[in-house]
């Protein structure tokens, strides 16, 4: 079912009096944005109603005009919600489509709505309203992802696993501690999005085409009506600025980069060669030819979609780098990258929160991996330093002990006391400082327990960090 209104005439351009021939059909299709910017219809209506209310308060339009505009906009919003609104390529964009439908419904009152504004400041307002809504949703999704991450970290605060550098076994950590690293990354991400929101939340409306308007408008009242924290202070900048969109894409690229890093680890951990975790079946697919396969498609796609979001950031930077003041048609190209970035981030966060909660940890495999890379070698060096041996000498002595363990085909922690003492002997003073308590320092539990400071890998420190993180999430003020 369609609404009872007809598409506009091809010649009914708002600037048609200036031109002697209609726009070519190819040009019309090339320049039209209505098929992607109509997703801002709700924001366009909100902005237009706030503008109309201000015009009426200032005596620029009559109260009867405002009432007609409000009735017409309510009808249009209902038609859009029901899928009955006719989107017309001759209307070119969301703004003209809605304005023309309003004029059909409200007559001259609809024609008066555009008084004191331009599509330049109108679209700048709409995109800021739309992006503000998107950021609010993303911040809520980051918080939900963080809660799931903290749940998993708490469940595995004691689950020992290797910490890696260069993908080589380095030192013992816990799976909970490892997950908390991603909590810290996403905490910074949330700060960046919140900061971006503050700069997004400034009203361009009232800048008109580029120089402001001669009508006695009240920009501050419109800003308050729409929930903006401030107005854009220069009319030229107001209509041409897209810094907020670039900032959003930069924040999104960093968030996706963090999730891509976690995805890479999940893919490695899930490999049978590593076997640290398993993903729930609903996040995986099989093979069309190999019946045994269980492929981690979701994290692989997150890696791939990160490149897509990074590309959108570069696209917007490139879009803006050569533009003189003020508004240029180039800026029509800001929306598709921006929309796709927001969609990708929102979908990724939604699915990732669920996926984290569905990870099955194979603690035995994690523990076994710690016996394959001399993970507590640094602990033995620290032990010798605490007994008075200079660190460089301790480092050299333990390196000799590792070489001995390699010769024997075992982990450093498997050497007996006498074997260990003999291995340290070539470094003067090393063997004499070795006591029976040294073997305790070589255990995974001893290594972890020794790192109980803030930010350390000890289970007690991990639980303390989780408590701080939960309190921060609980106290976070919701975005207005």
Protein backbone atom coordinates (compact mmCIF):
# COMPACT_ATOMS: atom_id res chain seq x y z
CA UNK A 1 0.00 0.00 0.00
CA UNK A 2 1.30 3.49 -0.82
CA UNK A 3 0.36 6.86 0.53
CA UNK A 4 -1.99 9.01 -1.46
CA UNK A 5 0.59 11.40 -2.85
CA UNK A 6 2.33 11.61 -6.16
CA UNK A 7 6.04 12.05 -6.91
CA UNK A 8 7.13 15.55 -7.74
CA UNK A 9 7.32 16.77 -11.29
CA UNK A 10 10.83 16.47 -12.79
CA UNK A 11 10.87 20.22 -13.31
CA UNK A 12 9.87 21.04 -9.74
CA UNK A 13 13.39 21.73 -8.50
CA UNK A 14 13.73 24.38 -5.83
CA UNK A 15 16.15 26.19 -8.13
CA UNK A 16 14.33 25.51 -11.41
CA UNK A 17 13.79 29.21 -12.20
CA UNK A 18 17.52 29.69 -12.68
CA UNK A 19 17.93 27.00 -15.37
CA UNK A 20 16.72 26.74 -18.95
CA UNK A 21 16.68 22.94 -19.19
CA UNK A 22 15.96 20.08 -16.80
CA UNK A 23 18.67 18.02 -15.18
CA UNK A 24 19.71 15.03 -17.29
CA UNK A 25 18.41 11.68 -16.04
CA UNK A 26 21.93 10.32 -15.59
CA UNK A 27 22.97 13.39 -13.62
CA UNK A 28 19.81 13.10 -11.54
CA UNK A 29 20.69 9.53 -10.57
CA UNK A 30 24.35 10.41 -10.05
CA UNK A 31 23.65 13.31 -7.69
CA UNK A 32 20.67 11.91 -5.80
CA UNK A 33 21.24 10.84 -2.20
CA UNK A 34 17.69 10.00 -1.16
CA UNK A 35 18.23 6.26 -1.33
CA UNK A 36 20.81 6.36 1.47
CA UNK A 37 20.19 9.59 3.36
CA UNK A 38 16.52 8.81 3.97
CA UNK A 39 17.65 6.88 7.02
CA UNK A 40 18.00 10.36 8.59
CA UNK A 41 14.28 11.05 8.12
CA UNK A 42 13.50 10.92 11.84
CA UNK A 43 16.31 13.37 12.59
CA UNK A 44 15.27 15.61 9.70
CA UNK A 45 11.74 15.83 11.10
CA UNK A 46 13.03 16.55 14.62
CA UNK A 47 15.28 19.31 13.36
CA UNK A 48 12.59 20.83 11.19
CA UNK A 49 10.07 20.89 14.04
CA UNK A 50 12.56 22.59 16.35
CA UNK A 51 13.30 25.14 13.62
CA UNK A 52 9.59 25.76 13.05
CA UNK A 53 8.93 26.24 16.76
CA UNK A 54 11.73 28.80 16.92
CA UNK A 55 10.36 30.64 13.86
CA UNK A 56 6.98 30.87 15.56
CA UNK A 57 8.47 32.04 18.86
CA UNK A 58 10.37 34.75 17.03
CA UNK A 59 7.27 35.85 15.11
CA UNK A 60 8.80 34.90 11.77
CA UNK A 61 5.93 32.54 10.97
CA UNK A 62 2.42 32.50 12.41
CA UNK A 63 1.25 30.08 15.08
CA UNK A 64 -1.25 28.73 12.57
CA UNK A 65 1.65 27.89 10.25
CA UNK A 66 3.43 26.07 13.07
CA UNK A 67 0.30 24.06 13.85
CA UNK A 68 -0.05 23.07 10.18
CA UNK A 69 3.64 22.10 10.02
CA UNK A 70 3.33 19.98 13.15
CA UNK A 71 0.25 18.18 11.83
CA UNK A 72 1.92 17.57 8.49
CA UNK A 73 5.13 16.28 10.04
CA UNK A 74 3.18 13.91 12.28
CA UNK A 75 1.46 12.53 9.19
CA UNK A 76 4.79 12.17 7.36
CA UNK A 77 6.43 10.41 10.30
CA UNK A 78 3.53 7.97 10.41
CA UNK A 79 3.75 7.31 6.66
CA UNK A 80 7.49 6.64 6.93
CA UNK A 81 7.00 4.33 9.91
CA UNK A 82 4.35 2.37 8.01
CA UNK A 83 6.50 2.15 4.86
CA UNK A 84 3.91 4.15 2.92
CA UNK A 85 5.99 7.23 2.17
CA UNK A 86 6.90 7.60 -1.50
CA UNK A 87 10.59 8.39 -1.84
CA UNK A 88 11.11 10.27 -5.09
CA UNK A 89 14.45 10.58 -6.89
CA UNK A 90 13.28 13.91 -8.27
CA UNK A 91 13.25 15.13 -4.69
CA UNK A 92 16.97 14.33 -4.68
CA UNK A 93 17.43 13.89 -0.92
CA UNK A 94 15.60 13.21 2.33
CA UNK A 95 15.16 16.93 3.04
CA UNK A 96 13.38 17.89 -0.17
CA UNK A 97 11.27 14.73 -0.17
CA UNK A 98 9.92 15.56 3.27
CA UNK A 99 9.52 19.26 2.52
CA UNK A 100 7.55 18.58 -0.65
CA UNK A 101 5.27 16.14 1.08
CA UNK A 102 4.77 18.69 3.85
CA UNK A 103 3.87 21.36 1.31
CA UNK A 104 1.34 18.98 -0.25
CA UNK A 105 -0.21 18.46 3.19
CA UNK A 106 0.13 21.94 4.72
CA UNK A 107 0.17 24.27 1.72
CA UNK A 108 1.92 27.61 2.17
CA UNK A 109 2.84 26.75 5.76
CA UNK A 110 5.04 23.99 4.38
CA UNK A 111 6.72 26.46 2.06
CA UNK A 112 7.51 28.75 4.99
CA UNK A 113 9.37 26.08 6.93
CA UNK A 114 12.63 26.68 5.08
CA UNK A 115 12.72 30.34 6.09
CA UNK A 116 16.04 31.23 7.67
CA UNK A 117 17.84 27.99 6.86
CA UNK A 118 19.56 26.22 3.97
CA UNK A 119 19.98 22.59 3.11
CA UNK A 120 23.62 23.16 4.03
CA UNK A 121 22.96 23.78 7.72
CA UNK A 122 19.95 21.45 7.64
CA UNK A 123 21.96 18.41 6.55
CA UNK A 124 24.77 19.30 8.94
CA UNK A 125 22.21 19.31 11.76
CA UNK A 126 20.59 16.05 10.66
CA UNK A 127 23.87 14.19 10.43
CA UNK A 128 24.92 15.38 13.88
CA UNK A 129 21.60 14.30 15.35
CA UNK A 130 21.88 10.94 13.63
CA UNK A 131 25.47 10.40 14.72
CA UNK A 132 24.68 11.42 18.29
CA UNK A 133 22.01 8.73 18.40
CA UNK A 134 24.46 6.19 16.92
CA UNK A 135 27.16 7.05 19.47
CA UNK A 136 24.69 6.62 22.33
CA UNK A 137 23.83 3.17 21.04
CA UNK A 138 27.49 2.25 20.61
CA UNK A 139 28.37 3.39 24.14
CA UNK A 140 25.60 1.20 25.53
CA UNK A 141 26.85 -1.76 23.47
CA UNK A 142 30.45 -1.25 24.59
CA UNK A 143 29.24 -1.32 28.20
CA UNK A 144 27.36 -4.58 27.57
CA UNK A 145 30.41 -6.12 25.90
CA UNK A 146 32.52 -5.05 28.88
CA UNK A 147 30.10 -6.65 31.33
CA UNK A 148 30.30 -9.95 29.45
CA UNK A 149 34.08 -9.63 29.33
CA UNK A 150 34.24 -9.06 33.09
CA UNK A 151 31.98 -12.06 33.71
CA UNK A 152 34.35 -14.27 31.74
CA UNK A 153 37.41 -12.74 33.39
CA UNK A 154 35.99 -13.35 36.85
CA UNK A 155 35.15 -16.95 36.02
CA UNK A 156 38.77 -17.47 34.94
CA UNK A 157 40.72 -15.28 37.35
CA UNK A 158 42.64 -18.42 38.43
CA UNK A 159 42.88 -20.15 35.05
CA UNK A 160 46.59 -20.13 34.25
CA UNK A 161 47.76 -19.69 30.68
CA UNK A 162 50.89 -18.53 28.91
CA UNK A 163 51.36 -14.87 28.28
CA UNK A 164 53.09 -14.33 24.95
CA UNK A 165 55.47 -11.92 23.33
CA UNK A 166 56.40 -12.50 19.68
CA UNK A 167 53.91 -15.40 19.90
CA UNK A 168 56.49 -17.16 22.09
CA UNK A 169 55.66 -18.32 25.62
CA UNK A 170 56.83 -15.52 27.92
CA UNK A 171 55.42 -15.63 31.46
CA UNK A 172 52.37 -17.10 33.23
CA UNK A 173 49.21 -15.02 33.33
CA UNK A 174 45.59 -16.01 33.81
CA UNK A 175 42.88 -16.08 31.19
CA UNK A 176 41.01 -13.53 33.29
CA UNK A 177 44.00 -11.19 33.26
CA UNK A 178 44.31 -11.60 29.50
CA UNK A 179 40.66 -10.67 28.98
CA UNK A 180 41.04 -7.60 31.19
CA UNK A 181 43.52 -6.21 28.65
CA UNK A 182 40.59 -5.94 26.22
CA UNK A 183 38.46 -4.32 28.89
CA UNK A 184 41.13 -1.60 29.14
CA UNK A 185 41.17 -1.18 25.36
CA UNK A 186 37.41 -0.79 25.16
CA UNK A 187 37.44 1.56 28.15
CA UNK A 188 39.63 3.89 26.11
CA UNK A 189 37.32 3.33 23.14
CA UNK A 190 34.32 4.43 25.21
CA UNK A 191 36.20 7.55 26.31
CA UNK A 192 36.95 8.40 22.69
CA UNK A 193 33.33 7.97 21.59
CA UNK A 194 32.10 10.07 24.52
CA UNK A 195 34.61 12.76 23.64
CA UNK A 196 33.56 12.63 19.99
CA UNK A 197 29.93 12.98 21.09
CA UNK A 198 30.70 16.26 22.83
CA UNK A 199 32.07 17.79 19.64
CA UNK A 200 29.29 16.26 17.56
CA UNK A 201 26.70 17.76 19.89
CA UNK A 202 26.94 21.35 18.60
CA UNK A 203 24.19 22.91 16.53
CA UNK A 204 24.98 24.14 12.98
CA UNK A 205 21.39 25.21 12.24
CA UNK A 206 21.17 28.97 11.79
CA UNK A 207 24.34 29.16 9.70
CA UNK A 208 22.04 28.94 6.65
CA UNK A 209 23.98 28.53 3.39
CA UNK A 210 27.28 29.88 4.77
CA UNK A 211 26.86 33.44 6.12
CA UNK A 212 23.98 33.16 8.58
CA UNK A 213 20.57 34.74 7.99
CA UNK A 214 18.98 38.16 8.16
CA UNK A 215 15.97 36.82 10.12
CA UNK A 216 15.91 37.36 13.91
CA UNK A 217 16.50 33.71 14.76
CA UNK A 218 17.31 32.28 18.20
CA UNK A 219 19.88 29.55 17.69
CA UNK A 220 20.38 28.87 21.39
CA UNK A 221 16.71 27.98 21.88
CA UNK A 222 16.87 25.51 18.98
CA UNK A 223 20.01 23.99 20.48
CA UNK A 224 18.25 23.57 23.83
CA UNK A 225 15.16 22.12 22.12
CA UNK A 226 17.24 19.47 20.33
CA UNK A 227 19.53 18.68 23.26
CA UNK A 228 22.67 20.24 21.78
CA UNK A 229 25.25 21.42 24.30
CA UNK A 230 26.35 24.42 22.23
CA UNK A 231 26.05 26.07 18.84
CA UNK A 232 28.66 26.10 16.09
CA UNK A 233 30.23 29.54 16.46
CA UNK A 234 31.20 30.30 12.87
CA UNK A 235 28.70 30.00 10.04
CA UNK A 236 31.32 29.04 7.43
CA UNK A 237 32.70 26.29 9.61
CA UNK A 238 29.25 25.16 10.73
CA UNK A 239 28.11 24.08 7.25
CA UNK A 240 31.44 22.65 6.07
CA UNK A 241 32.81 20.93 9.17
CA UNK A 242 32.93 17.15 9.10
CA UNK A 243 35.58 16.72 11.79
CA UNK A 244 33.04 15.01 14.00
CA UNK A 245 32.40 12.36 11.34
CA UNK A 246 36.13 11.78 10.88
CA UNK A 247 36.61 11.54 14.64
CA UNK A 248 33.81 9.02 14.84
CA UNK A 249 35.37 6.91 12.10
CA UNK A 250 38.76 7.16 13.83
CA UNK A 251 37.27 6.01 17.13
CA UNK A 252 35.46 3.23 15.28
CA UNK A 253 38.65 2.14 13.51
CA UNK A 254 40.44 1.84 16.86
CA UNK A 255 37.56 -0.09 18.41
CA UNK A 256 37.44 -2.46 15.44
CA UNK A 257 41.23 -2.83 15.59
CA UNK A 258 40.94 -3.93 19.22
CA UNK A 259 38.19 -6.41 18.37
CA UNK A 260 40.24 -7.61 15.41
CA UNK A 261 43.17 -8.34 17.72
CA UNK A 262 40.90 -10.31 20.01
CA UNK A 263 39.48 -12.09 16.96
CA UNK A 264 42.95 -13.11 15.86
CA UNK A 265 43.62 -14.57 19.29
CA UNK A 266 40.31 -16.42 19.34
CA UNK A 267 41.13 -17.90 15.94
CA UNK A 268 44.55 -19.04 17.16
CA UNK A 269 43.22 -20.32 20.48
CA UNK A 270 40.50 -22.30 18.72
CA UNK A 271 42.92 -24.04 16.37
CA UNK A 272 43.38 -27.72 17.31
CA UNK A 273 47.14 -27.03 17.33
CA UNK A 274 46.54 -24.71 20.31
CA UNK A 275 43.19 -25.85 21.68
CA UNK A 276 42.80 -23.21 24.38
CA UNK A 277 39.11 -22.53 23.72
CA UNK A 278 36.10 -23.57 21.75
CA UNK A 279 33.40 -21.28 20.37
CA UNK A 280 29.71 -22.01 20.57
CA UNK A 281 28.44 -23.60 17.37
CA UNK A 282 26.17 -20.65 16.57
CA UNK A 283 29.24 -18.50 15.81
CA UNK A 284 30.87 -21.01 13.47
CA UNK A 285 30.27 -22.69 10.13
CA UNK A 286 31.35 -25.91 8.51
CA UNK A 287 32.96 -26.81 5.24
CA UNK A 288 31.26 -27.75 1.99
CA UNK A 289 33.74 -30.57 1.48
CA UNK A 290 35.44 -31.35 4.84
CA UNK A 291 32.85 -32.68 7.29
CA UNK A 292 35.11 -32.35 10.34
CA UNK A 293 35.60 -28.58 10.04
CA UNK A 294 34.34 -26.00 12.52
CA UNK A 295 35.41 -22.61 11.21
CA UNK A 296 35.50 -19.42 13.36
CA UNK A 297 33.70 -17.34 10.76
CA UNK A 298 32.56 -14.55 13.08
CA UNK A 299 36.01 -13.53 14.36
CA UNK A 300 37.40 -13.92 10.85
CA UNK A 301 34.76 -11.54 9.53
CA UNK A 302 35.50 -9.08 12.31
CA UNK A 303 39.11 -9.03 11.10
CA UNK A 304 37.89 -8.43 7.56
CA UNK A 305 35.36 -5.77 8.46
CA UNK A 306 38.05 -3.89 10.38
CA UNK A 307 39.74 -3.18 7.05
CA UNK A 308 36.43 -1.90 5.74
CA UNK A 309 36.04 0.54 8.65
CA UNK A 310 39.66 1.66 8.33
CA UNK A 311 38.97 2.34 4.67
CA UNK A 312 36.01 4.55 5.53
CA UNK A 313 38.25 6.66 7.78
CA UNK A 314 40.71 7.17 4.95
CA UNK A 315 37.83 7.94 2.58
CA UNK A 316 36.52 10.76 4.80
CA UNK A 317 39.97 12.20 5.38
CA UNK A 318 40.55 12.21 1.63
CA UNK A 319 37.08 13.68 1.03
CA UNK A 320 37.84 16.71 3.18
CA UNK A 321 41.51 17.36 2.48
CA UNK A 322 41.05 19.50 -0.64
CA UNK A 323 37.82 21.37 0.06
CA UNK A 324 37.79 25.16 0.21
CA UNK A 325 35.22 26.87 2.43
CA UNK A 326 32.34 26.55 2.69
CA UNK A 327 29.95 23.74 1.71
CA UNK A 328 30.72 21.64 -1.37
CA UNK A 329 28.75 18.84 -2.98
CA UNK A 330 31.65 16.53 -2.14
CA UNK A 331 30.18 16.35 1.36
CA UNK A 332 27.30 14.26 0.09
CA UNK A 333 29.87 11.46 0.01
CA UNK A 334 30.31 11.58 3.79
CA UNK A 335 27.13 9.66 4.60
CA UNK A 336 27.59 6.20 3.12
CA UNK A 337 30.99 5.62 4.79
CA UNK A 338 29.64 7.06 8.03
CA UNK A 339 26.45 4.99 7.96
CA UNK A 340 28.32 1.80 7.09
CA UNK A 341 30.90 2.41 9.82
CA UNK A 342 28.18 2.81 12.45
CA UNK A 343 26.28 -0.23 11.20
CA UNK A 344 29.43 -2.36 11.22
CA UNK A 345 30.46 -1.29 14.72
CA UNK A 346 26.96 -1.80 16.14
CA UNK A 347 26.55 -5.26 14.59
CA UNK A 348 30.04 -6.31 15.65
CA UNK A 349 29.55 -5.25 19.26
CA UNK A 350 26.18 -6.97 19.47
CA UNK A 351 27.49 -10.27 18.20
CA UNK A 352 30.76 -10.06 20.14
CA UNK A 353 29.04 -9.62 23.50
CA UNK A 354 27.13 -12.83 22.88
CA UNK A 355 30.17 -14.65 21.53
CA UNK A 356 32.36 -13.85 24.57
CA UNK A 357 29.72 -15.33 26.83
CA UNK A 358 29.75 -18.53 24.76
CA UNK A 359 33.49 -19.26 24.93
CA UNK A 360 34.35 -22.65 26.42
CA UNK A 361 37.79 -22.58 28.05
CA UNK A 362 40.04 -25.65 27.93
CA UNK A 363 42.01 -24.93 31.07
CA UNK A 364 44.01 -28.14 30.87
CA UNK A 365 45.44 -27.24 27.49
CA UNK A 366 46.31 -23.76 28.71
CA UNK A 367 48.10 -25.23 31.70
CA UNK A 368 49.96 -27.76 29.58
CA UNK A 369 51.22 -25.00 27.29
CA UNK A 370 52.93 -23.37 30.25
CA UNK A 371 55.24 -26.39 30.47
CA UNK A 372 56.45 -25.92 26.92
CA UNK A 373 58.25 -22.59 27.00
CA UNK A 374 60.11 -22.15 30.31
CA UNK A 375 57.50 -19.61 31.36
CA UNK A 376 58.91 -19.11 34.85
CA UNK A 377 62.51 -18.40 33.82
CA UNK A 378 62.14 -14.71 34.71
CA UNK A 379 60.94 -15.72 38.17
CA UNK A 380 64.16 -17.64 38.77
CA UNK A 381 66.19 -14.62 37.64
CA UNK A 382 64.18 -12.40 40.01
CA UNK A 383 64.80 -14.91 42.81
CA UNK A 384 68.56 -14.69 42.30
CA UNK A 385 68.44 -10.88 42.21
CA UNK A 386 66.56 -10.84 45.51
CA UNK A 387 69.38 -13.02 46.89
CA UNK A 388 71.93 -10.35 45.90
CA UNK A 389 73.07 -11.35 42.41
CA UNK A 390 73.18 -8.47 39.87
CA UNK A 391 70.34 -8.77 37.35
CA UNK A 392 72.57 -9.18 34.28
CA UNK A 393 74.42 -12.02 35.98
CA UNK A 394 71.12 -13.58 37.05
CA UNK A 395 69.84 -13.29 33.49
CA UNK A 396 72.92 -15.05 32.14
CA UNK A 397 72.77 -17.79 34.76
CA UNK A 398 69.13 -18.59 34.06
CA UNK A 399 69.81 -18.60 30.32
CA UNK A 400 72.37 -21.35 30.96
CA UNK A 401 69.79 -23.24 33.01
CA UNK A 402 67.27 -22.96 30.16
CA UNK A 403 69.89 -24.34 27.78
CA UNK A 404 70.40 -27.30 30.13
CA UNK A 405 66.65 -27.94 30.25
CA UNK A 406 66.50 -27.82 26.46
CA UNK A 407 69.32 -30.39 26.32
CA UNK A 408 67.39 -32.65 28.65
CA UNK A 409 64.16 -32.13 26.69
CA UNK A 410 62.20 -30.74 29.61
CA UNK A 411 60.86 -27.47 30.94
CA UNK A 412 63.04 -25.41 33.26
CA UNK A 413 60.64 -26.03 36.11
CA UNK A 414 61.27 -29.79 35.77
CA UNK A 415 64.97 -29.61 36.64
CA UNK A 416 65.85 -30.95 40.08
CA UNK A 417 67.66 -28.83 42.64
CA UNK A 418 71.08 -30.35 42.00
CA UNK A 419 70.65 -30.13 38.22
CA UNK A 420 69.62 -26.50 38.50
CA UNK A 421 72.54 -25.65 40.75
CA UNK A 422 74.98 -27.26 38.37
CA UNK A 423 73.55 -25.36 35.43
CA UNK A 424 73.99 -22.03 37.26
CA UNK A 425 77.56 -22.75 38.34
CA UNK A 426 79.41 -21.13 35.39
CA UNK A 427 78.19 -17.68 36.53
CA UNK A 428 80.18 -16.66 39.62
CA UNK A 429 78.05 -16.46 42.75
CA UNK A 430 74.86 -17.80 41.12
CA UNK A 431 74.83 -21.38 42.36
CA UNK A 432 75.71 -20.35 45.90
CA UNK A 433 72.63 -18.17 46.13
CA UNK A 434 70.28 -20.98 45.19
CA UNK A 435 68.20 -22.23 48.10
CA UNK A 436 65.56 -24.91 48.39
CA UNK A 437 62.86 -22.23 48.09
CA UNK A 438 63.97 -21.56 44.50
CA UNK A 439 61.88 -24.44 43.20
CA UNK A 440 58.72 -22.77 44.55
CA UNK A 441 59.57 -19.67 42.51
CA UNK A 442 59.58 -21.83 39.39
CA UNK A 443 55.98 -22.96 39.83
CA UNK A 444 53.13 -21.33 37.95
CA UNK A 445 51.33 -20.57 41.20
CA UNK A 446 54.44 -18.99 42.68
CA UNK A 447 54.96 -16.88 39.57
CA UNK A 448 51.38 -15.62 39.55
CA UNK A 449 51.16 -14.98 43.27
CA UNK A 450 54.31 -12.84 43.14
CA UNK A 451 52.57 -10.35 40.86
CA UNK A 452 49.88 -9.13 43.21
CA UNK A 453 50.39 -5.41 42.58
CA UNK A 454 47.76 -3.27 40.85
CA UNK A 455 47.58 -4.34 37.22
CA UNK A 456 49.46 -7.56 37.86
CA UNK A 457 48.55 -11.11 36.83
CA UNK A 458 47.96 -12.55 40.31
CA UNK A 459 44.42 -13.90 40.72
CA UNK A 460 43.89 -11.54 43.67
CA UNK A 461 44.97 -8.56 41.52
CA UNK A 462 42.71 -9.72 38.70
CA UNK A 463 39.71 -9.88 41.03
CA UNK A 464 40.53 -6.46 42.43
CA UNK A 465 40.72 -5.04 38.89
CA UNK A 466 37.37 -6.62 38.03
CA UNK A 467 35.78 -5.04 41.11
CA UNK A 468 37.10 -1.62 40.11
CA UNK A 469 35.85 -2.11 36.54
CA UNK A 470 32.38 -3.19 37.68
CA UNK A 471 32.12 -0.18 39.98
CA UNK A 472 33.13 2.13 37.12
CA UNK A 473 30.48 0.63 34.85
CA UNK A 474 27.82 0.91 37.54
CA UNK A 475 28.66 4.54 38.25
CA UNK A 476 28.98 5.64 34.65
CA UNK A 477 26.54 8.43 33.97
CA UNK A 478 24.23 7.66 31.06
CA UNK A 479 24.53 9.99 28.09
CA UNK A 480 21.59 12.42 28.15
